Protein backbone atom coordinates (compact mmCIF):
# COMPACT_ATOMS: atom_id res chain seq x y z
CA MET A 1 25.03 4.01 -49.54
CA VAL A 2 27.99 5.30 -47.60
CA TRP A 3 28.80 3.98 -44.13
CA SER A 4 29.65 6.59 -41.52
CA TRP A 5 30.52 6.66 -37.84
CA GLY A 6 27.75 9.18 -37.22
CA SER A 7 25.09 6.76 -38.50
CA ALA A 8 26.56 3.88 -36.46
CA ILE A 9 26.60 5.94 -33.25
CA THR A 10 23.04 7.20 -33.87
CA GLY A 11 21.82 3.63 -34.44
CA ALA A 12 23.55 2.37 -31.29
CA ALA A 13 22.10 5.24 -29.26
CA CYS A 14 18.57 4.48 -30.55
CA ALA A 15 18.95 0.77 -29.73
CA THR A 16 20.23 1.59 -26.23
CA ALA A 17 17.37 4.05 -25.63
CA THR A 18 14.80 1.45 -26.76
CA LEU A 19 16.23 -1.24 -24.47
CA THR A 20 16.40 1.17 -21.55
CA ALA A 21 12.77 2.20 -22.09
CA MET A 22 11.70 -1.46 -22.10
CA TRP A 23 13.56 -2.14 -18.85
CA ALA A 24 12.56 1.14 -17.20
CA ARG A 25 9.04 -0.12 -16.60
CA PRO A 26 9.15 -3.17 -14.36
CA LYS A 27 6.45 -5.80 -14.79
CA ASN A 28 4.45 -6.98 -11.81
CA PRO A 29 5.80 -10.08 -10.14
CA THR A 30 3.24 -12.81 -9.55
CA PHE A 31 2.58 -14.49 -6.21
CA HIS A 32 0.66 -17.71 -5.63
CA LEU A 33 0.02 -19.20 -2.19
CA VAL A 34 0.84 -22.89 -2.66
CA SER A 35 0.23 -24.25 0.82
CA ILE A 36 -0.19 -23.50 4.51
CA SER A 37 1.11 -25.75 7.24
CA LEU A 38 0.92 -25.57 11.02
CA SER A 39 4.46 -25.29 12.33
CA SER A 40 3.70 -24.85 16.04
CA PHE A 41 1.25 -23.54 18.56
CA HIS A 42 1.80 -21.82 21.89
CA LEU A 43 -0.68 -22.19 24.69
CA ASN A 44 -0.92 -18.84 26.48
CA LEU A 45 -3.87 -19.68 28.72
CA PRO A 46 -6.61 -19.19 27.94
CA LEU A 47 -5.48 -18.41 24.37
CA LEU A 48 -3.70 -20.31 21.65
CA ASP A 49 -1.20 -18.55 19.33
CA LEU A 50 -0.56 -20.32 16.04
CA GLU A 51 2.57 -20.34 13.92
CA LEU A 52 2.13 -21.23 10.29
CA MET A 53 4.47 -21.81 7.37
CA LEU A 54 3.24 -20.22 4.13
CA THR A 55 4.68 -21.63 0.92
CA VAL A 56 4.55 -18.97 -1.80
CA HIS A 57 5.48 -19.34 -5.50
CA VAL A 58 6.97 -16.07 -6.84
CA THR A 59 7.67 -15.26 -10.49
CA ASN A 60 9.93 -12.39 -11.64
CA PRO A 61 8.89 -11.71 -15.27
CA ASN A 62 11.51 -8.99 -15.71
CA PRO A 63 14.59 -9.39 -17.96
CA VAL A 64 16.89 -8.34 -15.11
CA PRO A 65 17.39 -9.70 -11.59
CA ILE A 66 15.71 -7.86 -8.72
CA LYS A 67 16.69 -7.29 -5.11
CA TYR A 68 14.10 -6.55 -2.46
CA GLU A 69 14.00 -5.27 1.12
CA PRO A 70 12.44 -7.08 4.08
CA ALA A 71 8.67 -6.68 4.34
CA VAL A 72 5.82 -7.63 6.65
CA LEU A 73 2.76 -9.35 5.23
CA SER A 74 -0.40 -8.47 7.18
CA ILE A 75 -3.03 -11.23 7.52
CA SER A 76 -6.64 -10.37 8.31
CA TYR A 77 -9.89 -12.22 8.97
CA SER A 78 -13.30 -10.54 8.73
CA GLY A 79 -11.59 -7.16 8.46
CA THR A 80 -9.55 -7.65 11.66
CA HIS A 81 -5.76 -7.87 11.74
CA LEU A 82 -5.00 -11.44 12.82
CA GLY A 83 -1.25 -11.78 12.35
CA THR A 84 1.84 -11.24 10.24
CA ALA A 85 4.36 -13.09 8.11
CA GLN A 86 7.95 -11.97 7.59
CA LEU A 87 9.54 -11.66 4.15
CA GLU A 88 13.31 -11.55 4.49
CA ALA A 89 15.42 -9.35 2.21
CA GLY A 90 16.58 -11.22 -0.85
CA SER A 91 16.99 -11.33 -4.59
CA GLN A 92 15.58 -13.18 -7.55
CA GLY A 93 17.06 -13.88 -10.95
CA ALA A 94 15.76 -12.54 -14.24
CA ASN A 95 12.74 -14.35 -15.73
CA SER A 96 12.68 -16.84 -12.87
CA CYS A 97 10.41 -18.58 -10.39
CA GLU A 98 11.16 -19.32 -6.74
CA ILE A 99 9.44 -20.95 -3.80
CA LEU A 100 9.55 -18.89 -0.58
CA GLN A 101 8.78 -20.16 2.92
CA LEU A 102 7.25 -17.42 5.07
CA SER A 103 6.83 -17.86 8.80
CA ALA A 104 3.50 -16.44 10.02
CA ARG A 105 2.14 -15.93 13.51
CA LEU A 106 -1.57 -15.57 14.29
CA ASP A 107 -2.62 -13.82 17.51
CA GLY A 108 -4.78 -15.97 19.82
CA LEU A 109 -6.45 -12.94 21.39
CA GLU A 110 -7.64 -11.67 18.02
CA MET A 111 -8.81 -15.18 17.06
CA ALA A 112 -10.76 -15.36 20.35
CA HIS A 113 -12.71 -12.24 19.35
CA HIS A 114 -13.93 -14.17 16.30
CA ALA A 115 -14.36 -17.58 17.99
CA LYS A 116 -18.00 -18.05 16.92
CA ALA A 117 -17.29 -17.18 13.28
CA LEU A 118 -14.10 -19.29 13.25
CA LEU A 119 -15.97 -22.33 14.58
CA ALA A 120 -18.65 -21.82 11.91
CA ASP A 121 -15.88 -21.68 9.28
CA VAL A 122 -14.37 -24.91 10.61
CA ALA A 123 -17.78 -26.60 10.41
CA ARG A 124 -18.21 -25.34 6.81
CA ARG A 125 -14.54 -26.09 6.06
CA SER A 126 -14.20 -22.70 4.39
CA MET A 127 -12.35 -19.71 5.85
CA VAL A 128 -11.55 -16.44 4.07
CA LEU A 129 -8.18 -14.81 4.79
CA ASP A 130 -7.01 -11.55 3.29
CA SER A 131 -3.45 -10.32 3.22
CA THR A 132 -1.56 -7.29 2.04
CA VAL A 133 2.12 -6.46 1.65
CA ASP A 134 4.27 -3.68 0.19
CA ILE A 135 7.63 -4.83 -1.14
CA LYS A 136 10.32 -2.31 -2.12
CA GLY A 137 13.31 -3.21 -4.20
CA PHE A 138 15.41 -2.39 -7.22
CA ALA A 139 16.69 -3.72 -10.51
CA GLN A 140 20.12 -2.73 -11.74
CA VAL A 141 21.70 -2.84 -15.20
CA TRP A 142 25.32 -1.71 -15.15
CA TRP A 143 25.30 1.77 -13.58
CA TRP A 144 21.55 2.34 -13.92
CA THR A 145 19.31 1.47 -10.92
CA GLN A 146 15.52 1.39 -11.08
CA ARG A 147 13.71 1.40 -7.71
CA PHE A 148 10.19 0.01 -7.43
CA SER A 149 7.45 -0.75 -4.93
CA VAL A 150 4.93 -3.57 -5.36
CA HIS A 151 1.65 -3.54 -3.43
CA ILE A 152 -0.04 -6.95 -3.27
CA ASP A 153 -3.53 -7.76 -2.05
CA SER A 154 -4.45 -11.41 -1.67
CA HIS A 155 -7.82 -13.02 -0.97
CA ALA A 156 -7.63 -16.73 -0.12
CA VAL A 157 -10.28 -19.28 0.77
CA VAL A 158 -8.73 -21.92 3.02
CA ASP A 159 -10.00 -25.22 4.43
CA PRO A 160 -9.30 -24.59 8.15
CA VAL A 161 -9.32 -28.33 8.96
CA PHE A 162 -6.67 -29.51 6.48
CA LEU A 163 -5.18 -26.04 5.76
CA ASP A 164 -5.69 -26.52 2.02
CA VAL A 165 -5.81 -23.44 -0.20
CA VAL A 166 -9.15 -23.85 -1.98
CA GLU A 167 -9.23 -20.63 -3.98
CA GLN A 168 -7.28 -17.41 -4.22
CA LYS A 169 -7.23 -14.12 -6.03
CA ASN A 170 -4.13 -11.91 -6.03
CA GLN A 171 -3.85 -8.36 -7.28
CA SER A 172 -0.58 -6.47 -7.55
CA GLU A 173 0.37 -2.96 -8.55
CA THR A 174 3.90 -1.77 -9.22
CA GLN A 175 5.11 1.79 -8.83
CA VAL A 176 8.39 3.02 -10.21
CA LEU A 177 10.15 5.06 -7.53
CA PHE A 178 12.38 7.95 -8.40
CA ALA A 179 15.32 8.85 -6.19
């Protein structure tokens, strides 16, 4: 067997193409709502606006760090938009987990429209909240940048008395964006 530069360059090109193909398809990050806490409430007679702190565990399963843009998480109850939480722009290391604190505000007027159902949920100690968010970002390896968008739908059952997360189901879908 004779060694040649042509074979070495071909092998290196194949290895680079394989690694690029593996990285070109980002894996879905995972999100898990850890806890909800009441941070403040504002009495706007006759209504009460609530501010909550959502603690979210996020995992980046990708072999490269990611950077993401700010996003707004929409929170709904019984199909009605109830409030929002802000996700600040940031980054996350490769193959890592992080805890994020998201500030959320629930609209007292919208809660008033569902007062009867909310009181029944408090009595049962079981409240269903749905949320959705679209997060755009990118991963970069040397000169190559891969843009992506992640759509996340979350369905959480919460104890409205103690604000415990009883059950949750998250579904995410990633799209690779081309410039």
